[in-house]
Amino acid sequence: MTPVATFVRRAGVALGTLALIALPTADAAAAATNPPGVYILNEQGENGPSCPVGWFCFYHAAQHKWFSFAVLPGTDVPDVGALKFSGGGSIASADSNTNNTLLRYCGYPQPNYGGAEVPIAPFSGGTWNGLKSFRVC
């Protein structure tokens, strides 16, 4: 279980509210390489924790499975492939996402917001193969 999921389950508090109190801590290796506001959600196996309320999450596989990251509301991700897990691995693209924020996000098939924009409404999500960047739009 990741530090984010463990902390949320123990606290019994919605993570959106929790973010105002304390940020989840990522493994030291991941914290050193990922930008502020981006946290590892799942690097363990097929079915990790679901996306916490108040966060934007994206997953390596369809149906919100496998390796994933959770992003604080308002945080942009210019290159999914540049993000690292604690063991140093990464994912080339995101094939599904969940937007549990009040903000509208957009996904793009190329790094640095290139290609056709895919809008992701607040409190929604879906499966879009190969999105490589995300930002609030």
C-alpha atoms as a PDB file:
ATOM      1  CA  MET A   1       0.000   0.000   0.000  1.00  0.00           C
ATOM      2  CA  THR A   2       1.364   3.423  -0.901  1.00  0.00           C
ATOM      3  CA  PRO A   3       1.990   6.142   1.703  1.00  0.00           C
ATOM      4  CA  VAL A   4      -0.944   8.165   0.305  1.00  0.00           C
ATOM      5  CA  ALA A   5      -3.433   5.298   0.625  1.00  0.00           C
ATOM      6  CA  THR A   6      -2.183   4.253   4.065  1.00  0.00           C
ATOM      7  CA  PHE A   7      -2.397   7.765   5.443  1.00  0.00           C
ATOM      8  CA  VAL A   8      -5.899   8.362   4.060  1.00  0.00           C
ATOM      9  CA  ARG A   9      -7.268   5.055   5.324  1.00  0.00           C
ATOM     10  CA  ARG A  10      -5.849   5.605   8.795  1.00  0.00           C
ATOM     11  CA  ALA A  11      -7.019   9.197   9.040  1.00  0.00           C
ATOM     12  CA  GLY A  12     -10.477   8.502   7.640  1.00  0.00           C
ATOM     13  CA  VAL A  13     -10.480  11.970   6.100  1.00  0.00           C
ATOM     14  CA  ALA A  14     -11.155  12.950   2.485  1.00  0.00           C
ATOM     15  CA  LEU A  15      -7.791  13.631   0.877  1.00  0.00           C
ATOM     16  CA  GLY A  16      -9.024  16.895  -0.628  1.00  0.00           C
ATOM     17  CA  THR A  17      -9.427  18.249   2.884  1.00  0.00           C
ATOM     18  CA  LEU A  18      -6.332  16.446   4.052  1.00  0.00           C
ATOM     19  CA  ALA A  19      -4.202  18.256   1.460  1.00  0.00           C
ATOM     20  CA  LEU A  20      -4.812  21.465   3.395  1.00  0.00           C
ATOM     21  CA  ILE A  21      -3.467  19.850   6.555  1.00  0.00           C
ATOM     22  CA  ALA A  22      -0.486  17.827   5.319  1.00  0.00           C
ATOM     23  CA  LEU A  23       0.808  16.644   1.996  1.00  0.00           C
ATOM     24  CA  PRO A  24       1.359  12.923   1.518  1.00  0.00           C
ATOM     25  CA  THR A  25       4.982  11.929   1.450  1.00  0.00           C
ATOM     26  CA  ALA A  26       6.463  10.059  -1.479  1.00  0.00           C
ATOM     27  CA  ASP A  27       9.502   7.834  -1.264  1.00  0.00           C
ATOM     28  CA  ALA A  28      12.674   9.940  -1.100  1.00  0.00           C
ATOM     29  CA  ALA A  29      13.829   8.909  -4.586  1.00  0.00           C
ATOM     30  CA  ALA A  30      10.518   9.875  -6.157  1.00  0.00           C
ATOM     31  CA  ALA A  31      10.255  13.095  -4.183  1.00  0.00           C
ATOM     32  CA  ALA A  32      13.626  14.181  -5.513  1.00  0.00           C
ATOM     33  CA  THR A  33      12.674  13.673  -9.179  1.00  0.00           C
ATOM     34  CA  ASN A  34       8.980  14.556  -9.430  1.00  0.00           C
ATOM     35  CA  PRO A  35       7.786  18.167  -9.484  1.00  0.00           C
ATOM     36  CA  PRO A  36       5.901  19.621  -6.527  1.00  0.00           C
ATOM     37  CA  GLY A  37       2.272  18.539  -6.424  1.00  0.00           C
ATOM     38  CA  VAL A  38       2.829  15.156  -8.118  1.00  0.00           C
ATOM     39  CA  TYR A  39       2.713  12.027  -5.934  1.00  0.00           C
ATOM     40  CA  ILE A  40       2.894   8.293  -6.517  1.00  0.00           C
ATOM     41  CA  LEU A  41      -0.539   6.720  -6.097  1.00  0.00           C
ATOM     42  CA  ASN A  42       0.279   3.104  -7.019  1.00  0.00           C
ATOM     43  CA  GLU A  43       3.495   1.363  -7.982  1.00  0.00           C
ATOM     44  CA  GLN A  44       2.713  -2.024  -6.451  1.00  0.00           C
ATOM     45  CA  GLY A  45       0.288  -3.978  -8.627  1.00  0.00           C
ATOM     46  CA  GLU A  46      -2.778  -4.158 -10.789  1.00  0.00           C
ATOM     47  CA  ASN A  47      -5.411  -2.741  -8.426  1.00  0.00           C
ATOM     48  CA  GLY A  48      -4.073   0.119  -6.367  1.00  0.00           C
ATOM     49  CA  PRO A  49      -6.037   2.699  -4.388  1.00  0.00           C
ATOM     50  CA  SER A  50      -8.711   4.707  -6.139  1.00  0.00           C
ATOM     51  CA  CYS A  51      -8.205   8.391  -6.832  1.00  0.00           C
ATOM     52  CA  PRO A  52      -8.807  10.400  -3.647  1.00  0.00           C
ATOM     53  CA  VAL A  53     -11.437  13.129  -3.611  1.00  0.00           C
ATOM     54  CA  GLY A  54      -9.850  16.478  -4.431  1.00  0.00           C
ATOM     55  CA  TRP A  55      -7.070  15.075  -6.654  1.00  0.00           C
ATOM     56  CA  PHE A  56      -6.447  14.452 -10.359  1.00  0.00           C
ATOM     57  CA  CYS A  57      -5.066  10.950 -11.053  1.00  0.00           C
ATOM     58  CA  PHE A  58      -3.787   9.159 -14.132  1.00  0.00           C
ATOM     59  CA  TYR A  59      -3.019   5.496 -14.680  1.00  0.00           C
ATOM     60  CA  HIS A  60      -0.702   3.488 -16.897  1.00  0.00           C
ATOM     61  CA  ALA A  61      -3.488   1.126 -18.012  1.00  0.00           C
ATOM     62  CA  ALA A  62      -7.149   1.326 -18.954  1.00  0.00           C
ATOM     63  CA  GLN A  63      -9.838   0.841 -16.305  1.00  0.00           C
ATOM     64  CA  HIS A  64      -7.787   2.861 -13.778  1.00  0.00           C
ATOM     65  CA  LYS A  65      -5.276   0.093 -13.102  1.00  0.00           C
ATOM     66  CA  TRP A  66      -1.590  -0.461 -12.552  1.00  0.00           C
ATOM     67  CA  PHE A  67       0.966   2.258 -12.044  1.00  0.00           C
ATOM     68  CA  SER A  68      -0.455   5.691 -11.276  1.00  0.00           C
ATOM     69  CA  PHE A  69       0.162   9.200 -10.014  1.00  0.00           C
ATOM     70  CA  ALA A  70      -2.012  11.613  -7.998  1.00  0.00           C
ATOM     71  CA  VAL A  71      -1.758  15.339  -8.708  1.00  0.00           C
ATOM     72  CA  LEU A  72      -2.776  18.229  -6.457  1.00  0.00           C
ATOM     73  CA  PRO A  73      -5.509  20.394  -8.008  1.00  0.00           C
ATOM     74  CA  GLY A  74      -4.040  23.012 -10.331  1.00  0.00           C
ATOM     75  CA  THR A  75      -0.789  21.117 -10.929  1.00  0.00           C
ATOM     76  CA  ASP A  76       0.188  20.712 -14.583  1.00  0.00           C
ATOM     77  CA  VAL A  77       2.074  17.671 -15.922  1.00  0.00           C
ATOM     78  CA  PRO A  78       4.004  18.617 -19.085  1.00  0.00           C
ATOM     79  CA  ASP A  79       5.499  15.126 -19.594  1.00  0.00           C
ATOM     80  CA  VAL A  80       4.070  11.943 -18.036  1.00  0.00           C
ATOM     81  CA  GLY A  81       7.195  10.034 -19.121  1.00  0.00           C
ATOM     82  CA  ALA A  82       9.443  12.288 -17.032  1.00  0.00           C
ATOM     83  CA  LEU A  83       7.755  11.285 -13.750  1.00  0.00           C
ATOM     84  CA  LYS A  84       9.513   8.601 -11.697  1.00  0.00           C
ATOM     85  CA  PHE A  85       8.483   5.910  -9.258  1.00  0.00           C
ATOM     86  CA  SER A  86      10.550   5.199  -6.138  1.00  0.00           C
ATOM     87  CA  GLY A  87      12.470   2.448  -7.957  1.00  0.00           C
ATOM     88  CA  GLY A  88      13.294   4.823 -10.805  1.00  0.00           C
ATOM     89  CA  GLY A  89      10.812   3.417 -13.340  1.00  0.00           C
ATOM     90  CA  SER A  90       8.336   5.505 -15.296  1.00  0.00           C
ATOM     91  CA  ILE A  91       5.391   5.189 -17.675  1.00  0.00           C
ATOM     92  CA  ALA A  92       5.414   6.410 -21.271  1.00  0.00           C
ATOM     93  CA  SER A  93       1.780   7.526 -21.273  1.00  0.00           C
ATOM     94  CA  ALA A  94      -1.487   7.429 -19.340  1.00  0.00           C
ATOM     95  CA  ASP A  95      -4.325   5.281 -20.646  1.00  0.00           C
ATOM     96  CA  SER A  96      -6.981   6.291 -18.096  1.00  0.00           C
ATOM     97  CA  ASN A  97      -7.611   9.082 -15.620  1.00  0.00           C
ATOM     98  CA  THR A  98      -9.919  10.338 -12.891  1.00  0.00           C
ATOM     99  CA  ASN A  99     -10.559  14.009 -12.230  1.00  0.00           C
ATOM    100  CA  ASN A 100     -11.827  14.262  -8.646  1.00  0.00           C
ATOM    101  CA  THR A 101     -11.326  18.040  -8.522  1.00  0.00           C
ATOM    102  CA  LEU A 102     -13.481  21.090  -9.197  1.00  0.00           C
ATOM    103  CA  LEU A 103     -11.163  22.045 -12.075  1.00  0.00           C
ATOM    104  CA  ARG A 104     -11.409  21.130 -15.758  1.00  0.00           C
ATOM    105  CA  TYR A 105      -8.285  19.311 -16.924  1.00  0.00           C
ATOM    106  CA  CYS A 106      -7.156  18.616 -20.481  1.00  0.00           C
ATOM    107  CA  GLY A 107      -5.010  15.735 -21.659  1.00  0.00           C
ATOM    108  CA  TYR A 108      -2.783  15.702 -24.738  1.00  0.00           C
ATOM    109  CA  PRO A 109      -1.289  12.888 -26.850  1.00  0.00           C
ATOM    110  CA  GLN A 110       2.132  14.566 -26.916  1.00  0.00           C
ATOM    111  CA  PRO A 111       4.410  15.963 -24.192  1.00  0.00           C
ATOM    112  CA  ASN A 112       4.225  19.705 -23.509  1.00  0.00           C
ATOM    113  CA  TYR A 113       0.512  19.865 -24.360  1.00  0.00           C
ATOM    114  CA  GLY A 114       0.892  18.968 -28.025  1.00  0.00           C
ATOM    115  CA  GLY A 115      -1.783  17.473 -30.242  1.00  0.00           C
ATOM    116  CA  ALA A 116      -5.560  17.344 -29.963  1.00  0.00           C
ATOM    117  CA  GLU A 117      -6.913  18.469 -26.590  1.00  0.00           C
ATOM    118  CA  VAL A 118      -8.988  15.930 -24.627  1.00  0.00           C
ATOM    119  CA  PRO A 119     -11.199  17.740 -22.064  1.00  0.00           C
ATOM    120  CA  ILE A 120     -11.751  16.043 -18.706  1.00  0.00           C
ATOM    121  CA  ALA A 121     -14.640  17.572 -16.755  1.00  0.00           C
ATOM    122  CA  PRO A 122     -14.609  17.922 -12.967  1.00  0.00           C
ATOM    123  CA  PHE A 123     -15.543  14.712 -11.133  1.00  0.00           C
ATOM    124  CA  SER A 124     -15.246  12.565 -14.241  1.00  0.00           C
ATOM    125  CA  GLY A 125     -12.667  10.481 -16.010  1.00  0.00           C
ATOM    126  CA  GLY A 126     -12.258   7.861 -18.626  1.00  0.00           C
ATOM    127  CA  THR A 127     -10.000   5.861 -20.857  1.00  0.00           C
ATOM    128  CA  TRP A 128      -7.970   7.602 -23.552  1.00  0.00           C
ATOM    129  CA  ASN A 129      -5.001   5.693 -24.822  1.00  0.00           C
ATOM    130  CA  GLY A 130      -1.657   7.408 -24.838  1.00  0.00           C
ATOM    131  CA  LEU A 131      -2.092  10.780 -23.138  1.00  0.00           C
ATOM    132  CA  LYS A 132       1.355  12.199 -22.406  1.00  0.00           C
ATOM    133  CA  SER A 133       0.628  15.542 -20.736  1.00  0.00           C
ATOM    134  CA  PHE A 134      -2.105  17.162 -18.612  1.00  0.00           C
ATOM    135  CA  ARG A 135      -2.969  20.675 -17.494  1.00  0.00           C
ATOM    136  CA  VAL A 136      -5.826  22.750 -16.162  1.00  0.00           C
ATOM    137  CA  CYS A 137      -7.707  24.224 -19.097  1.00  0.00           C
END
